[in-house]
């Protein structure tokens, strides 16, 4: 039902009552979407709960395999054993080193490449370079694994440094696509004003373009960190020395020793994925902001 009201200019209009407003809100409630989101949330939270629950159990409790029974008492025995068994500080440092290279290279190189392509879009060479870089998105690492292993060994990059460089290269196509699309929505007056003031191309990039790119550059950096930190296949194939392996590979190498110690295995997995979870929790607003701005500007 609706109530009749008269506004300030004497026009009669209908105003929805509380009952009508309630009916309208119920009509907008999307039950299938809500159910789907609830199922997706449970699909993520249940495995995470099992991981945390099993990690804080003692060895005798974990052997029973009751994943949904809360630990009593809480124990950090699994974390201590996983820390010593996998030499966690070294593996953590190597993973952080690889991820730092991937993030810094992804942000800087992709930003420069995107600006060069955007500023010279009318030139055939740069337009071809854009589509050439995008073509790399259709070449997954397993297809190029043998050639990359051979080349990395020949030039001495079968190390964590080489893995970090490969992470930059394999993410380049996607990152350039995001940043170039974002730059296309940038007002041309900003760059023209910098040129009029006598700024060089390098000064224009650092003082005008890169600050404008900061929301999308943050998104690129976060994606690069998550990809590099969680990557298993590339480090396992490229790095020749087992002592220099990253956390995901180290966990796999010690899998046989974890087979009967569930609390140790889950504690090790939790320690390995904790940095990625924490990073995403604290940076998800930048991810959403960057993706949304890129979508609107395109």
C-alpha atoms as a PDB file:
ATOM      1  CA  UNK A   1       0.000   0.000   0.000  1.00  0.00           C
ATOM      2  CA  UNK A   2       0.991   3.631  -0.557  1.00  0.00           C
ATOM      3  CA  UNK A   3       0.120   6.882   1.201  1.00  0.00           C
ATOM      4  CA  UNK A   4      -0.737  10.130  -0.592  1.00  0.00           C
ATOM      5  CA  UNK A   5       1.360  13.191   0.278  1.00  0.00           C
ATOM      6  CA  UNK A   6       1.532  16.734  -1.043  1.00  0.00           C
ATOM      7  CA  UNK A   7       4.994  18.187  -1.604  1.00  0.00           C
ATOM      8  CA  UNK A   8       6.103  21.811  -1.302  1.00  0.00           C
ATOM      9  CA  UNK A   9       4.883  22.773  -4.785  1.00  0.00           C
ATOM     10  CA  UNK A  10       1.452  21.256  -4.310  1.00  0.00           C
ATOM     11  CA  UNK A  11       1.994  18.068  -6.282  1.00  0.00           C
ATOM     12  CA  UNK A  12       0.332  14.942  -4.995  1.00  0.00           C
ATOM     13  CA  UNK A  13       2.500  11.836  -5.059  1.00  0.00           C
ATOM     14  CA  UNK A  14       2.494   8.315  -3.603  1.00  0.00           C
ATOM     15  CA  UNK A  15       4.871   7.390  -0.823  1.00  0.00           C
ATOM     16  CA  UNK A  16       5.439   3.672  -0.056  1.00  0.00           C
ATOM     17  CA  UNK A  17       4.375   2.614   3.431  1.00  0.00           C
ATOM     18  CA  UNK A  18       6.513   0.402   5.665  1.00  0.00           C
ATOM     19  CA  UNK A  19       4.643  -2.691   4.468  1.00  0.00           C
ATOM     20  CA  UNK A  20       5.293  -1.763   0.824  1.00  0.00           C
ATOM     21  CA  UNK A  21       8.950  -1.070   1.560  1.00  0.00           C
ATOM     22  CA  UNK A  22       9.278  -4.457   3.239  1.00  0.00           C
ATOM     23  CA  UNK A  23       7.720  -6.181   0.240  1.00  0.00           C
ATOM     24  CA  UNK A  24      10.097  -4.339  -2.105  1.00  0.00           C
ATOM     25  CA  UNK A  25      13.135  -5.384  -0.068  1.00  0.00           C
ATOM     26  CA  UNK A  26      11.971  -9.018  -0.094  1.00  0.00           C
ATOM     27  CA  UNK A  27      11.512  -8.867  -3.860  1.00  0.00           C
ATOM     28  CA  UNK A  28      15.121  -7.726  -4.234  1.00  0.00           C
ATOM     29  CA  UNK A  29      16.448 -10.593  -2.080  1.00  0.00           C
ATOM     30  CA  UNK A  30      18.150 -13.002  -4.468  1.00  0.00           C
ATOM     31  CA  UNK A  31      17.852 -16.453  -2.906  1.00  0.00           C
ATOM     32  CA  UNK A  32      19.864 -18.426  -5.525  1.00  0.00           C
ATOM     33  CA  UNK A  33      22.719 -15.937  -5.347  1.00  0.00           C
ATOM     34  CA  UNK A  34      22.709 -16.003  -1.546  1.00  0.00           C
ATOM     35  CA  UNK A  35      22.767 -19.794  -1.462  1.00  0.00           C
ATOM     36  CA  UNK A  36      25.603 -19.892  -3.990  1.00  0.00           C
ATOM     37  CA  UNK A  37      27.669 -17.396  -2.005  1.00  0.00           C
ATOM     38  CA  UNK A  38      27.008 -19.333   1.202  1.00  0.00           C
ATOM     39  CA  UNK A  39      28.182 -22.601  -0.390  1.00  0.00           C
ATOM     40  CA  UNK A  40      31.307 -20.923  -1.797  1.00  0.00           C
ATOM     41  CA  UNK A  41      32.071 -19.450   1.625  1.00  0.00           C
ATOM     42  CA  UNK A  42      31.711 -22.837   3.301  1.00  0.00           C
ATOM     43  CA  UNK A  43      33.931 -24.426   0.634  1.00  0.00           C
ATOM     44  CA  UNK A  44      36.708 -22.066   1.746  1.00  0.00           C
ATOM     45  CA  UNK A  45      36.088 -21.862   5.489  1.00  0.00           C
ATOM     46  CA  UNK A  46      35.652 -25.589   6.179  1.00  0.00           C
ATOM     47  CA  UNK A  47      39.117 -26.630   4.851  1.00  0.00           C
ATOM     48  CA  UNK A  48      40.657 -23.635   6.633  1.00  0.00           C
ATOM     49  CA  UNK A  49      38.971 -24.654   9.901  1.00  0.00           C
ATOM     50  CA  UNK A  50      40.215 -28.243   9.513  1.00  0.00           C
ATOM     51  CA  UNK A  51      43.759 -27.001   8.871  1.00  0.00           C
ATOM     52  CA  UNK A  52      43.815 -24.752  11.936  1.00  0.00           C
ATOM     53  CA  UNK A  53      42.064 -27.344  14.108  1.00  0.00           C
ATOM     54  CA  UNK A  54      44.437 -30.170  13.233  1.00  0.00           C
ATOM     55  CA  UNK A  55      47.526 -27.940  13.527  1.00  0.00           C
ATOM     56  CA  UNK A  56      46.854 -27.217  17.214  1.00  0.00           C
ATOM     57  CA  UNK A  57      46.341 -30.843  18.228  1.00  0.00           C
ATOM     58  CA  UNK A  58      48.838 -33.137  19.854  1.00  0.00           C
ATOM     59  CA  UNK A  59      50.244 -36.135  18.028  1.00  0.00           C
ATOM     60  CA  UNK A  60      47.933 -38.576  19.761  1.00  0.00           C
ATOM     61  CA  UNK A  61      44.857 -36.452  19.028  1.00  0.00           C
ATOM     62  CA  UNK A  62      45.818 -35.957  15.377  1.00  0.00           C
ATOM     63  CA  UNK A  63      46.297 -39.698  14.805  1.00  0.00           C
ATOM     64  CA  UNK A  64      42.629 -40.261  15.560  1.00  0.00           C
ATOM     65  CA  UNK A  65      41.811 -38.246  12.437  1.00  0.00           C
ATOM     66  CA  UNK A  66      38.808 -36.457  13.925  1.00  0.00           C
ATOM     67  CA  UNK A  67      39.099 -33.224  11.970  1.00  0.00           C
ATOM     68  CA  UNK A  68      36.048 -31.478  13.454  1.00  0.00           C
ATOM     69  CA  UNK A  69      36.741 -32.270  17.113  1.00  0.00           C
ATOM     70  CA  UNK A  70      38.340 -29.288  18.828  1.00  0.00           C
ATOM     71  CA  UNK A  71      41.814 -29.860  20.296  1.00  0.00           C
ATOM     72  CA  UNK A  72      41.936 -30.347  24.043  1.00  0.00           C
ATOM     73  CA  UNK A  73      44.340 -29.090  25.176  1.00  0.00           C
ATOM     74  CA  UNK A  74      45.755 -26.700  22.553  1.00  0.00           C
ATOM     75  CA  UNK A  75      49.261 -27.700  21.537  1.00  0.00           C
ATOM     76  CA  UNK A  76      51.981 -26.050  19.426  1.00  0.00           C
ATOM     77  CA  UNK A  77      53.911 -29.309  19.194  1.00  0.00           C
ATOM     78  CA  UNK A  78      53.209 -29.550  15.449  1.00  0.00           C
ATOM     79  CA  UNK A  79      54.508 -26.039  14.800  1.00  0.00           C
ATOM     80  CA  UNK A  80      57.735 -26.694  16.688  1.00  0.00           C
ATOM     81  CA  UNK A  81      58.430 -29.912  14.789  1.00  0.00           C
ATOM     82  CA  UNK A  82      57.504 -28.355  11.423  1.00  0.00           C
ATOM     83  CA  UNK A  83      59.748 -25.356  12.148  1.00  0.00           C
ATOM     84  CA  UNK A  84      62.755 -27.610  12.785  1.00  0.00           C
ATOM     85  CA  UNK A  85      62.026 -30.247  10.170  1.00  0.00           C
ATOM     86  CA  UNK A  86      61.593 -27.895   7.214  1.00  0.00           C
ATOM     87  CA  UNK A  87      64.160 -25.305   8.368  1.00  0.00           C
ATOM     88  CA  UNK A  88      61.324 -22.830   8.160  1.00  0.00           C
ATOM     89  CA  UNK A  89      63.293 -19.551   8.582  1.00  0.00           C
ATOM     90  CA  UNK A  90      65.469 -20.304   5.548  1.00  0.00           C
ATOM     91  CA  UNK A  91      62.563 -21.438   3.349  1.00  0.00           C
ATOM     92  CA  UNK A  92      60.490 -18.455   4.483  1.00  0.00           C
ATOM     93  CA  UNK A  93      63.322 -16.051   3.652  1.00  0.00           C
ATOM     94  CA  UNK A  94      63.793 -17.558   0.193  1.00  0.00           C
ATOM     95  CA  UNK A  95      60.050 -17.329  -0.528  1.00  0.00           C
ATOM     96  CA  UNK A  96      60.044 -13.714   0.644  1.00  0.00           C
ATOM     97  CA  UNK A  97      63.065 -12.968  -1.567  1.00  0.00           C
ATOM     98  CA  UNK A  98      61.421 -14.450  -4.651  1.00  0.00           C
ATOM     99  CA  UNK A  99      58.126 -12.678  -3.940  1.00  0.00           C
ATOM    100  CA  UNK A 100      59.862  -9.320  -3.394  1.00  0.00           C
ATOM    101  CA  UNK A 101      61.585  -9.584  -6.771  1.00  0.00           C
ATOM    102  CA  UNK A 102      58.324 -10.570  -8.443  1.00  0.00           C
ATOM    103  CA  UNK A 103      56.352  -7.707  -6.867  1.00  0.00           C
ATOM    104  CA  UNK A 104      58.946  -5.002  -7.546  1.00  0.00           C
ATOM    105  CA  UNK A 105      59.539  -6.166 -11.109  1.00  0.00           C
ATOM    106  CA  UNK A 106      55.838  -6.613 -11.860  1.00  0.00           C
ATOM    107  CA  UNK A 107      54.988  -3.086 -10.710  1.00  0.00           C
ATOM    108  CA  UNK A 108      57.931  -1.246 -12.294  1.00  0.00           C
ATOM    109  CA  UNK A 109      58.386  -3.107 -15.571  1.00  0.00           C
ATOM    110  CA  UNK A 110      54.666  -3.478 -16.259  1.00  0.00           C
ATOM    111  CA  UNK A 111      54.035   0.204 -15.502  1.00  0.00           C
ATOM    112  CA  UNK A 112      56.811   1.344 -17.816  1.00  0.00           C
ATOM    113  CA  UNK A 113      55.721  -1.004 -20.577  1.00  0.00           C
ATOM    114  CA  UNK A 114      52.088   0.071 -20.254  1.00  0.00           C
ATOM    115  CA  UNK A 115      53.005   3.767 -20.398  1.00  0.00           C
ATOM    116  CA  UNK A 116      55.253   3.270 -23.428  1.00  0.00           C
ATOM    117  CA  UNK A 117      52.487   1.413 -25.264  1.00  0.00           C
ATOM    118  CA  UNK A 118      49.828   3.930 -24.259  1.00  0.00           C
ATOM    119  CA  UNK A 119      51.910   6.977 -25.229  1.00  0.00           C
ATOM    120  CA  UNK A 120      52.838   5.492 -28.616  1.00  0.00           C
ATOM    121  CA  UNK A 121      49.642   3.626 -29.457  1.00  0.00           C
ATOM    122  CA  UNK A 122      49.451   5.158 -32.922  1.00  0.00           C
ATOM    123  CA  UNK A 123      52.800   3.624 -33.876  1.00  0.00           C
ATOM    124  CA  UNK A 124      52.645   0.175 -35.421  1.00  0.00           C
ATOM    125  CA  UNK A 125      55.621  -1.167 -33.489  1.00  0.00           C
ATOM    126  CA  UNK A 126      54.144  -0.422 -30.066  1.00  0.00           C
ATOM    127  CA  UNK A 127      50.718  -1.713 -31.023  1.00  0.00           C
ATOM    128  CA  UNK A 128      52.326  -4.924 -32.239  1.00  0.00           C
ATOM    129  CA  UNK A 129      54.344  -5.102 -29.002  1.00  0.00           C
ATOM    130  CA  UNK A 130      51.123  -4.869 -27.005  1.00  0.00           C
ATOM    131  CA  UNK A 131      49.522  -7.813 -28.786  1.00  0.00           C
ATOM    132  CA  UNK A 132      52.815  -9.718 -28.658  1.00  0.00           C
ATOM    133  CA  UNK A 133      52.957  -9.347 -24.870  1.00  0.00           C
ATOM    134  CA  UNK A 134      49.312 -10.366 -24.571  1.00  0.00           C
ATOM    135  CA  UNK A 135      50.022 -13.503 -26.601  1.00  0.00           C
ATOM    136  CA  UNK A 136      52.235 -14.710 -23.740  1.00  0.00           C
ATOM    137  CA  UNK A 137      49.102 -15.100 -21.618  1.00  0.00           C
ATOM    138  CA  UNK A 138      48.159 -18.102 -23.769  1.00  0.00           C
ATOM    139  CA  UNK A 139      51.479 -19.889 -23.116  1.00  0.00           C
ATOM    140  CA  UNK A 140      51.354 -21.575 -19.684  1.00  0.00           C
ATOM    141  CA  UNK A 141      54.568 -22.509 -17.936  1.00  0.00           C
ATOM    142  CA  UNK A 142      54.153 -26.316 -18.327  1.00  0.00           C
ATOM    143  CA  UNK A 143      54.269 -25.881 -22.115  1.00  0.00           C
ATOM    144  CA  UNK A 144      57.599 -24.018 -21.870  1.00  0.00           C
ATOM    145  CA  UNK A 145      58.986 -25.843 -18.852  1.00  0.00           C
ATOM    146  CA  UNK A 146      61.703 -27.856 -20.599  1.00  0.00           C
ATOM    147  CA  UNK A 147      63.058 -24.901 -22.555  1.00  0.00           C
ATOM    148  CA  UNK A 148      62.986 -22.646 -19.479  1.00  0.00           C
ATOM    149  CA  UNK A 149      64.831 -25.241 -17.400  1.00  0.00           C
ATOM    150  CA  UNK A 150      67.520 -25.551 -20.063  1.00  0.00           C
ATOM    151  CA  UNK A 151      67.932 -21.812 -20.575  1.00  0.00           C
ATOM    152  CA  UNK A 152      67.964 -21.060 -16.850  1.00  0.00           C
ATOM    153  CA  UNK A 153      70.739 -23.580 -16.323  1.00  0.00           C
ATOM    154  CA  UNK A 154      72.807 -22.211 -19.228  1.00  0.00           C
ATOM    155  CA  UNK A 155      72.780 -18.631 -17.912  1.00  0.00           C
ATOM    156  CA  UNK A 156      73.129 -19.590 -14.240  1.00  0.00           C
ATOM    157  CA  UNK A 157      69.619 -18.559 -13.208  1.00  0.00           C
ATOM    158  CA  UNK A 158      68.530 -21.932 -11.814  1.00  0.00           C
ATOM    159  CA  UNK A 159      68.245 -20.101  -8.481  1.00  0.00           C
ATOM    160  CA  UNK A 160      65.572 -18.200  -6.523  1.00  0.00           C
ATOM    161  CA  UNK A 161      66.625 -15.085  -8.439  1.00  0.00           C
ATOM    162  CA  UNK A 162      65.831 -16.816 -11.723  1.00  0.00           C
ATOM    163  CA  UNK A 163      62.433 -17.879 -10.419  1.00  0.00           C
ATOM    164  CA  UNK A 164      61.651 -14.299  -9.442  1.00  0.00           C
ATOM    165  CA  UNK A 165      62.577 -13.081 -12.936  1.00  0.00           C
ATOM    166  CA  UNK A 166      60.424 -15.774 -14.555  1.00  0.00           C
ATOM    167  CA  UNK A 167      57.495 -14.789 -12.345  1.00  0.00           C
ATOM    168  CA  UNK A 168      57.796 -11.239 -13.687  1.00  0.00           C
ATOM    169  CA  UNK A 169      57.873 -12.415 -17.275  1.00  0.00           C
ATOM    170  CA  UNK A 170      54.946 -14.815 -17.015  1.00  0.00           C
ATOM    171  CA  UNK A 171      52.776 -12.166 -15.328  1.00  0.00           C
ATOM    172  CA  UNK A 172      53.780  -9.410 -17.750  1.00  0.00           C
ATOM    173  CA  UNK A 173      50.949  -9.896 -20.251  1.00  0.00           C
ATOM    174  CA  UNK A 174      48.153  -9.742 -17.685  1.00  0.00           C
ATOM    175  CA  UNK A 175      49.710  -6.807 -15.833  1.00  0.00           C
ATOM    176  CA  UNK A 176      50.296  -4.762 -18.987  1.00  0.00           C
ATOM    177  CA  UNK A 177      46.691  -5.391 -20.027  1.00  0.00           C
ATOM    178  CA  UNK A 178      45.385  -4.065 -16.688  1.00  0.00           C
ATOM    179  CA  UNK A 179      47.644  -1.013 -16.622  1.00  0.00           C
ATOM    180  CA  UNK A 180      47.180  -0.090 -20.279  1.00  0.00           C
ATOM    181  CA  UNK A 181      43.408  -0.281 -19.906  1.00  0.00           C
ATOM    182  CA  UNK A 182      43.641   1.942 -16.831  1.00  0.00           C
ATOM    183  CA  UNK A 183      45.812   4.509 -18.649  1.00  0.00           C
ATOM    184  CA  UNK A 184      43.345   4.767 -21.500  1.00  0.00           C
ATOM    185  CA  UNK A 185      40.897   6.387 -19.090  1.00  0.00           C
ATOM    186  CA  UNK A 186      43.441   8.927 -17.840  1.00  0.00           C
ATOM    187  CA  UNK A 187      42.831  12.558 -18.894  1.00  0.00           C
ATOM    188  CA  UNK A 188      45.316  13.544 -21.593  1.00  0.00           C
ATOM    189  CA  UNK A 189      45.532  17.038 -20.103  1.00  0.00           C
ATOM    190  CA  UNK A 190      47.710  15.736 -17.265  1.00  0.00           C
ATOM    191  CA  UNK A 191      50.457  14.552 -19.581  1.00  0.00           C
ATOM    192  CA  UNK A 192      50.120  17.579 -21.844  1.00  0.00           C
ATOM    193  CA  UNK A 193      50.496  19.942 -18.889  1.00  0.00           C
ATOM    194  CA  UNK A 194      53.693  18.169 -17.844  1.00  0.00           C
ATOM    195  CA  UNK A 195      55.060  18.485 -21.383  1.00  0.00           C
ATOM    196  CA  UNK A 196      54.253  22.194 -21.483  1.00  0.00           C
ATOM    197  CA  UNK A 197      56.109  22.675 -18.201  1.00  0.00           C
ATOM    198  CA  UNK A 198      59.178  21.144 -19.844  1.00  0.00           C
ATOM    199  CA  UNK A 199      59.145  17.721 -18.203  1.00  0.00           C
ATOM    200  CA  UNK A 200      60.991  14.946 -19.990  1.00  0.00           C
ATOM    201  CA  UNK A 201      59.443  11.556 -20.695  1.00  0.00           C
ATOM    202  CA  UNK A 202      61.136  10.101 -17.621  1.00  0.00           C
ATOM    203  CA  UNK A 203      59.970  12.967 -15.396  1.00  0.00           C
ATOM    204  CA  UNK A 204      56.446  12.736 -16.807  1.00  0.00           C
ATOM    205  CA  UNK A 205      56.296   9.061 -15.972  1.00  0.00           C
ATOM    206  CA  UNK A 206      57.511   9.355 -12.389  1.00  0.00           C
ATOM    207  CA  UNK A 207      55.794  12.615 -11.420  1.00  0.00           C
ATOM    208  CA  UNK A 208      52.506  12.312 -13.302  1.00  0.00           C
ATOM    209  CA  UNK A 209      51.798   8.839 -14.695  1.00  0.00           C
ATOM    210  CA  UNK A 210      53.033   6.584 -11.898  1.00  0.00           C
ATOM    211  CA  UNK A 211      51.108   8.404  -9.120  1.00  0.00           C
ATOM    212  CA  UNK A 212      47.962   8.127 -11.242  1.00  0.00           C
ATOM    213  CA  UNK A 213      48.686   4.420 -11.733  1.00  0.00           C
ATOM    214  CA  UNK A 214      49.140   3.781  -8.003  1.00  0.00           C
ATOM    215  CA  UNK A 215      45.704   2.129  -7.378  1.00  0.00           C
ATOM    216  CA  UNK A 216      46.116  -0.320 -10.251  1.00  0.00           C
ATOM    217  CA  UNK A 217      49.839  -0.748  -9.509  1.00  0.00           C
ATOM    218  CA  UNK A 218      48.903  -1.796  -5.967  1.00  0.00           C
ATOM    219  CA  UNK A 219      46.498  -4.358  -7.402  1.00  0.00           C
ATOM    220  CA  UNK A 220      49.207  -5.680  -9.714  1.00  0.00           C
ATOM    221  CA  UNK A 221      51.641  -5.944  -6.821  1.00  0.00           C
ATOM    222  CA  UNK A 222      49.178  -7.866  -4.648  1.00  0.00           C
ATOM    223  CA  UNK A 223      48.372 -10.317  -7.433  1.00  0.00           C
ATOM    224  CA  UNK A 224      52.100 -10.751  -8.085  1.00  0.00           C
ATOM    225  CA  UNK A 225      52.752 -11.520  -4.411  1.00  0.00           C
ATOM    226  CA  UNK A 226      49.971 -14.080  -4.159  1.00  0.00           C
ATOM    227  CA  UNK A 227      51.039 -15.781  -7.392  1.00  0.00           C
ATOM    228  CA  UNK A 228      54.724 -15.867  -6.482  1.00  0.00           C
ATOM    229  CA  UNK A 229      54.269 -16.941  -2.851  1.00  0.00           C
ATOM    230  CA  UNK A 230      51.941 -19.831  -3.686  1.00  0.00           C
ATOM    231  CA  UNK A 231      53.727 -21.040  -6.825  1.00  0.00           C
ATOM    232  CA  UNK A 232      54.965 -24.612  -6.630  1.00  0.00           C
ATOM    233  CA  UNK A 233      55.653 -25.788 -10.170  1.00  0.00           C
ATOM    234  CA  UNK A 234      58.156 -23.167 -11.295  1.00  0.00           C
ATOM    235  CA  UNK A 235      60.505 -23.277  -8.261  1.00  0.00           C
ATOM    236  CA  UNK A 236      60.400 -27.064  -8.169  1.00  0.00           C
ATOM    237  CA  UNK A 237      61.556 -27.268 -11.801  1.00  0.00           C
ATOM    238  CA  UNK A 238      63.924 -24.303 -12.019  1.00  0.00           C
ATOM    239  CA  UNK A 239      65.842 -24.287  -8.719  1.00  0.00           C
ATOM    240  CA  UNK A 240      68.524 -26.965  -8.850  1.00  0.00           C
ATOM    241  CA  UNK A 241      69.651 -26.891  -5.197  1.00  0.00           C
ATOM    242  CA  UNK A 242      67.078 -28.421  -2.782  1.00  0.00           C
ATOM    243  CA  UNK A 243      68.485 -26.251   0.009  1.00  0.00           C
ATOM    244  CA  UNK A 244      67.315 -23.141  -1.865  1.00  0.00           C
ATOM    245  CA  UNK A 245      63.725 -24.212  -2.398  1.00  0.00           C
ATOM    246  CA  UNK A 246      60.712 -22.107  -1.433  1.00  0.00           C
ATOM    247  CA  UNK A 247      58.095 -23.026   1.167  1.00  0.00           C
ATOM    248  CA  UNK A 248      55.588 -24.839  -1.111  1.00  0.00           C
ATOM    249  CA  UNK A 249      58.347 -27.046  -2.492  1.00  0.00           C
ATOM    250  CA  UNK A 250      59.866 -27.684   0.926  1.00  0.00           C
ATOM    251  CA  UNK A 251      56.521 -28.909   2.206  1.00  0.00           C
ATOM    252  CA  UNK A 252      56.298 -31.304  -0.709  1.00  0.00           C
ATOM    253  CA  UNK A 253      59.850 -32.553  -0.180  1.00  0.00           C
ATOM    254  CA  UNK A 254      59.048 -33.468   3.426  1.00  0.00           C
ATOM    255  CA  UNK A 255      55.616 -34.898   2.607  1.00  0.00           C
ATOM    256  CA  UNK A 256      56.742 -38.473   3.314  1.00  0.00           C
ATOM    257  CA  UNK A 257      57.843 -37.481   6.816  1.00  0.00           C
ATOM    258  CA  UNK A 258      54.502 -35.751   7.409  1.00  0.00           C
ATOM    259  CA  UNK A 259      52.445 -38.755   6.289  1.00  0.00           C
ATOM    260  CA  UNK A 260      51.846 -40.156   9.782  1.00  0.00           C
ATOM    261  CA  UNK A 261      52.120 -36.844  11.677  1.00  0.00           C
ATOM    262  CA  UNK A 262      48.997 -34.978  10.711  1.00  0.00           C
ATOM    263  CA  UNK A 263      49.493 -32.197  13.236  1.00  0.00           C
ATOM    264  CA  UNK A 264      52.973 -31.503  11.846  1.00  0.00           C
ATOM    265  CA  UNK A 265      51.797 -31.483   8.246  1.00  0.00           C
ATOM    266  CA  UNK A 266      48.859 -29.170   8.903  1.00  0.00           C
ATOM    267  CA  UNK A 267      51.021 -26.877  11.024  1.00  0.00           C
ATOM    268  CA  UNK A 268      53.547 -26.668   8.208  1.00  0.00           C
ATOM    269  CA  UNK A 269      50.861 -25.911   5.637  1.00  0.00           C
ATOM    270  CA  UNK A 270      49.330 -23.261   7.903  1.00  0.00           C
ATOM    271  CA  UNK A 271      52.658 -21.509   8.408  1.00  0.00           C
ATOM    272  CA  UNK A 272      53.287 -21.550   4.656  1.00  0.00           C
ATOM    273  CA  UNK A 273      49.950 -20.060   3.659  1.00  0.00           C
ATOM    274  CA  UNK A 274      49.569 -17.642   6.597  1.00  0.00           C
ATOM    275  CA  UNK A 275      51.513 -14.767   4.957  1.00  0.00           C
ATOM    276  CA  UNK A 276      49.360 -14.941   1.817  1.00  0.00           C
ATOM    277  CA  UNK A 277      46.138 -14.989   3.855  1.00  0.00           C
ATOM    278  CA  UNK A 278      47.241 -12.055   6.024  1.00  0.00           C
ATOM    279  CA  UNK A 279      48.419 -10.076   2.996  1.00  0.00           C
ATOM    280  CA  UNK A 280      45.118 -10.550   1.204  1.00  0.00           C
ATOM    281  CA  UNK A 281      43.027  -9.684   4.270  1.00  0.00           C
ATOM    282  CA  UNK A 282      44.818  -6.365   4.750  1.00  0.00           C
ATOM    283  CA  UNK A 283      45.045  -5.460   1.048  1.00  0.00           C
ATOM    284  CA  UNK A 284      41.762  -6.716  -0.403  1.00  0.00           C
ATOM    285  CA  UNK A 285      40.286  -3.209  -0.447  1.00  0.00           C
ATOM    286  CA  UNK A 286      43.086  -2.070  -2.774  1.00  0.00           C
ATOM    287  CA  UNK A 287      42.484  -5.098  -4.988  1.00  0.00           C
ATOM    288  CA  UNK A 288      38.773  -4.342  -5.273  1.00  0.00           C
ATOM    289  CA  UNK A 289      39.390  -0.613  -5.738  1.00  0.00           C
ATOM    290  CA  UNK A 290      41.943  -1.159  -8.485  1.00  0.00           C
ATOM    291  CA  UNK A 291      39.868  -3.693 -10.392  1.00  0.00           C
ATOM    292  CA  UNK A 292      36.731  -1.535 -10.087  1.00  0.00           C
ATOM    293  CA  UNK A 293      38.505   1.595 -11.314  1.00  0.00           C
ATOM    294  CA  UNK A 294      40.018  -0.319 -14.212  1.00  0.00           C
ATOM    295  CA  UNK A 295      36.621  -1.678 -15.182  1.00  0.00           C
ATOM    296  CA  UNK A 296      34.965   1.737 -15.033  1.00  0.00           C
ATOM    297  CA  UNK A 297      37.704   3.512 -16.922  1.00  0.00           C
ATOM    298  CA  UNK A 298      37.867   0.965 -19.708  1.00  0.00           C
END
